[in-house]
Amino acid sequence: MATRKRIIKNIPDYRLPREKKETEETDLKKVKAQMLKDLEAEEKNKNDWYDKELEKNLK
């Protein structure tokens, strides 16, 4: 006998547990906050480098 294909149904969003949805949102918020911190640190380092080069050129 031929085997039947198993139908996999996706669970609708309204039936998903709320905890899972909230953890994904908090994870995304944490990642976003970390990226913003990294960008700020990078910009600060970039500005420091320009200041040092400017001082070198003025001497």
N, C-alpha and C. Protein backbone atom coordinates (compact mmCIF):
# COMPACT_ATOMS: atom_id res chain seq x y z
N MET A 1 0.83 -1.18 0.00
CA MET A 1 0.00 0.00 0.00
C MET A 1 0.87 1.25 0.00
N ALA A 2 0.39 2.25 -0.66
CA ALA A 2 1.11 3.52 -0.70
C ALA A 2 0.87 4.28 0.61
N THR A 3 1.95 4.89 1.07
CA THR A 3 1.80 5.67 2.31
C THR A 3 1.20 7.02 1.98
N ARG A 4 0.42 7.52 2.91
CA ARG A 4 -0.21 8.82 2.70
C ARG A 4 0.75 9.92 3.12
N LYS A 5 0.69 11.03 2.41
CA LYS A 5 1.49 12.18 2.79
C LYS A 5 0.89 12.80 4.04
N ARG A 6 1.75 13.18 4.92
CA ARG A 6 1.28 13.79 6.16
C ARG A 6 1.14 15.29 5.94
N ILE A 7 0.00 15.83 6.27
CA ILE A 7 -0.25 17.25 6.11
C ILE A 7 0.15 17.97 7.39
N ILE A 8 1.06 18.91 7.24
CA ILE A 8 1.52 19.68 8.39
C ILE A 8 0.85 21.04 8.34
N LYS A 9 0.08 21.33 9.37
CA LYS A 9 -0.63 22.60 9.41
C LYS A 9 0.11 23.57 10.33
N ASN A 10 0.13 24.81 9.93
CA ASN A 10 0.72 25.84 10.78
C ASN A 10 -0.31 26.29 11.80
N ILE A 11 0.16 26.54 13.01
CA ILE A 11 -0.73 27.02 14.06
C ILE A 11 -0.96 28.52 13.86
N PRO A 12 -2.21 28.96 13.85
CA PRO A 12 -2.46 30.40 13.69
C PRO A 12 -1.89 31.20 14.85
N ASP A 13 -1.59 32.48 14.59
CA ASP A 13 -0.96 33.33 15.61
C ASP A 13 -1.80 33.44 16.87
N TYR A 14 -3.11 33.48 16.71
CA TYR A 14 -3.94 33.67 17.89
C TYR A 14 -3.95 32.44 18.80
N ARG A 15 -3.48 31.33 18.32
CA ARG A 15 -3.41 30.13 19.15
C ARG A 15 -2.02 29.89 19.75
N LEU A 16 -1.04 30.65 19.31
CA LEU A 16 0.31 30.50 19.86
C LEU A 16 0.33 31.02 21.30
N PRO A 17 1.13 30.42 22.12
CA PRO A 17 1.22 30.92 23.49
C PRO A 17 1.82 32.33 23.50
N ARG A 18 1.29 33.18 24.34
CA ARG A 18 1.75 34.58 24.39
C ARG A 18 3.21 34.68 24.85
N GLU A 19 3.65 33.79 25.69
CA GLU A 19 5.01 33.85 26.20
C GLU A 19 6.04 33.81 25.08
N LYS A 20 5.82 32.93 24.12
CA LYS A 20 6.76 32.79 23.01
C LYS A 20 6.84 34.09 22.21
N LYS A 21 5.70 34.69 21.95
CA LYS A 21 5.66 35.92 21.18
C LYS A 21 6.38 37.05 21.92
N GLU A 22 6.17 37.13 23.22
CA GLU A 22 6.80 38.18 24.01
C GLU A 22 8.31 38.00 24.08
N THR A 23 8.77 36.77 24.20
CA THR A 23 10.21 36.55 24.27
C THR A 23 10.89 36.94 22.97
N GLU A 24 10.24 36.70 21.85
CA GLU A 24 10.82 37.10 20.57
C GLU A 24 10.93 38.62 20.50
N GLU A 25 9.91 39.32 20.98
CA GLU A 25 9.94 40.77 20.95
C GLU A 25 11.03 41.31 21.86
N THR A 26 11.18 40.74 23.04
CA THR A 26 12.21 41.21 23.96
C THR A 26 13.60 40.90 23.41
N ASP A 27 13.75 39.75 22.76
CA ASP A 27 15.03 39.42 22.16
C ASP A 27 15.39 40.44 21.08
N LEU A 28 14.41 40.79 20.25
CA LEU A 28 14.66 41.77 19.20
C LEU A 28 15.00 43.13 19.79
N LYS A 29 14.33 43.50 20.87
CA LYS A 29 14.63 44.78 21.52
C LYS A 29 16.04 44.78 22.09
N LYS A 30 16.46 43.65 22.67
CA LYS A 30 17.82 43.56 23.21
C LYS A 30 18.85 43.67 22.11
N VAL A 31 18.60 43.00 21.00
CA VAL A 31 19.54 43.04 19.87
C VAL A 31 19.63 44.46 19.32
N LYS A 32 18.48 45.13 19.21
CA LYS A 32 18.46 46.50 18.71
C LYS A 32 19.24 47.43 19.63
N ALA A 33 19.04 47.28 20.94
CA ALA A 33 19.75 48.11 21.90
C ALA A 33 21.25 47.87 21.82
N GLN A 34 21.67 46.62 21.68
CA GLN A 34 23.09 46.31 21.58
C GLN A 34 23.69 46.90 20.31
N MET A 35 22.96 46.83 19.21
CA MET A 35 23.47 47.39 17.96
C MET A 35 23.62 48.91 18.07
N LEU A 36 22.66 49.57 18.73
CA LEU A 36 22.76 51.01 18.91
C LEU A 36 23.98 51.38 19.76
N LYS A 37 24.24 50.59 20.81
CA LYS A 37 25.42 50.84 21.65
C LYS A 37 26.69 50.69 20.83
N ASP A 38 26.74 49.65 20.01
CA ASP A 38 27.92 49.41 19.17
C ASP A 38 28.14 50.55 18.19
N LEU A 39 27.05 51.02 17.58
CA LEU A 39 27.17 52.12 16.63
C LEU A 39 27.65 53.40 17.32
N GLU A 40 27.14 53.66 18.52
CA GLU A 40 27.57 54.85 19.25
C GLU A 40 29.06 54.76 19.58
N ALA A 41 29.50 53.59 20.01
CA ALA A 41 30.92 53.41 20.34
C ALA A 41 31.78 53.58 19.09
N GLU A 42 31.30 53.07 17.98
CA GLU A 42 32.05 53.19 16.72
C GLU A 42 32.15 54.65 16.29
N GLU A 43 31.05 55.39 16.41
CA GLU A 43 31.06 56.81 16.05
C GLU A 43 32.00 57.59 16.96
N LYS A 44 32.01 57.25 18.25
CA LYS A 44 32.89 57.93 19.20
C LYS A 44 34.35 57.69 18.83
N ASN A 45 34.68 56.43 18.51
CA ASN A 45 36.05 56.11 18.12
C ASN A 45 36.43 56.83 16.83
N LYS A 46 35.49 56.91 15.91
CA LYS A 46 35.74 57.59 14.64
C LYS A 46 36.03 59.08 14.89
N ASN A 47 35.23 59.71 15.76
CA ASN A 47 35.43 61.12 16.07
C ASN A 47 36.76 61.35 16.77
N ASP A 48 37.13 60.44 17.69
CA ASP A 48 38.42 60.55 18.37
C ASP A 48 39.56 60.48 17.37
N TRP A 49 39.46 59.60 16.40
CA TRP A 49 40.50 59.45 15.40
C TRP A 49 40.65 60.74 14.59
N TYR A 50 39.51 61.33 14.19
CA TYR A 50 39.56 62.59 13.44
C TYR A 50 40.18 63.70 14.27
N ASP A 51 39.85 63.76 15.56
CA ASP A 51 40.41 64.78 16.44
C ASP A 51 41.92 64.62 16.54
N LYS A 52 42.40 63.39 16.68
CA LYS A 52 43.84 63.14 16.77
C LYS A 52 44.54 63.54 15.48
N GLU A 53 43.95 63.20 14.35
CA GLU A 53 44.55 63.56 13.06
C GLU A 53 44.59 65.07 12.88
N LEU A 54 43.54 65.74 13.31
CA LEU A 54 43.49 67.20 13.21
C LEU A 54 44.57 67.83 14.05
N GLU A 55 44.77 67.31 15.26
CA GLU A 55 45.83 67.83 16.14
C GLU A 55 47.21 67.62 15.52
N LYS A 56 47.42 66.46 14.92
CA LYS A 56 48.70 66.17 14.26
C LYS A 56 48.96 67.17 13.14
N ASN A 57 47.93 67.43 12.36
CA ASN A 57 48.09 68.33 11.22
C ASN A 57 48.31 69.77 11.66
N LEU A 58 47.76 70.16 12.79
CA LEU A 58 47.91 71.54 13.27
C LEU A 58 49.29 71.78 13.85
N LYS A 59 49.98 70.71 14.32
CA LYS A 59 51.32 70.88 14.91
C LYS A 59 52.35 71.13 13.90
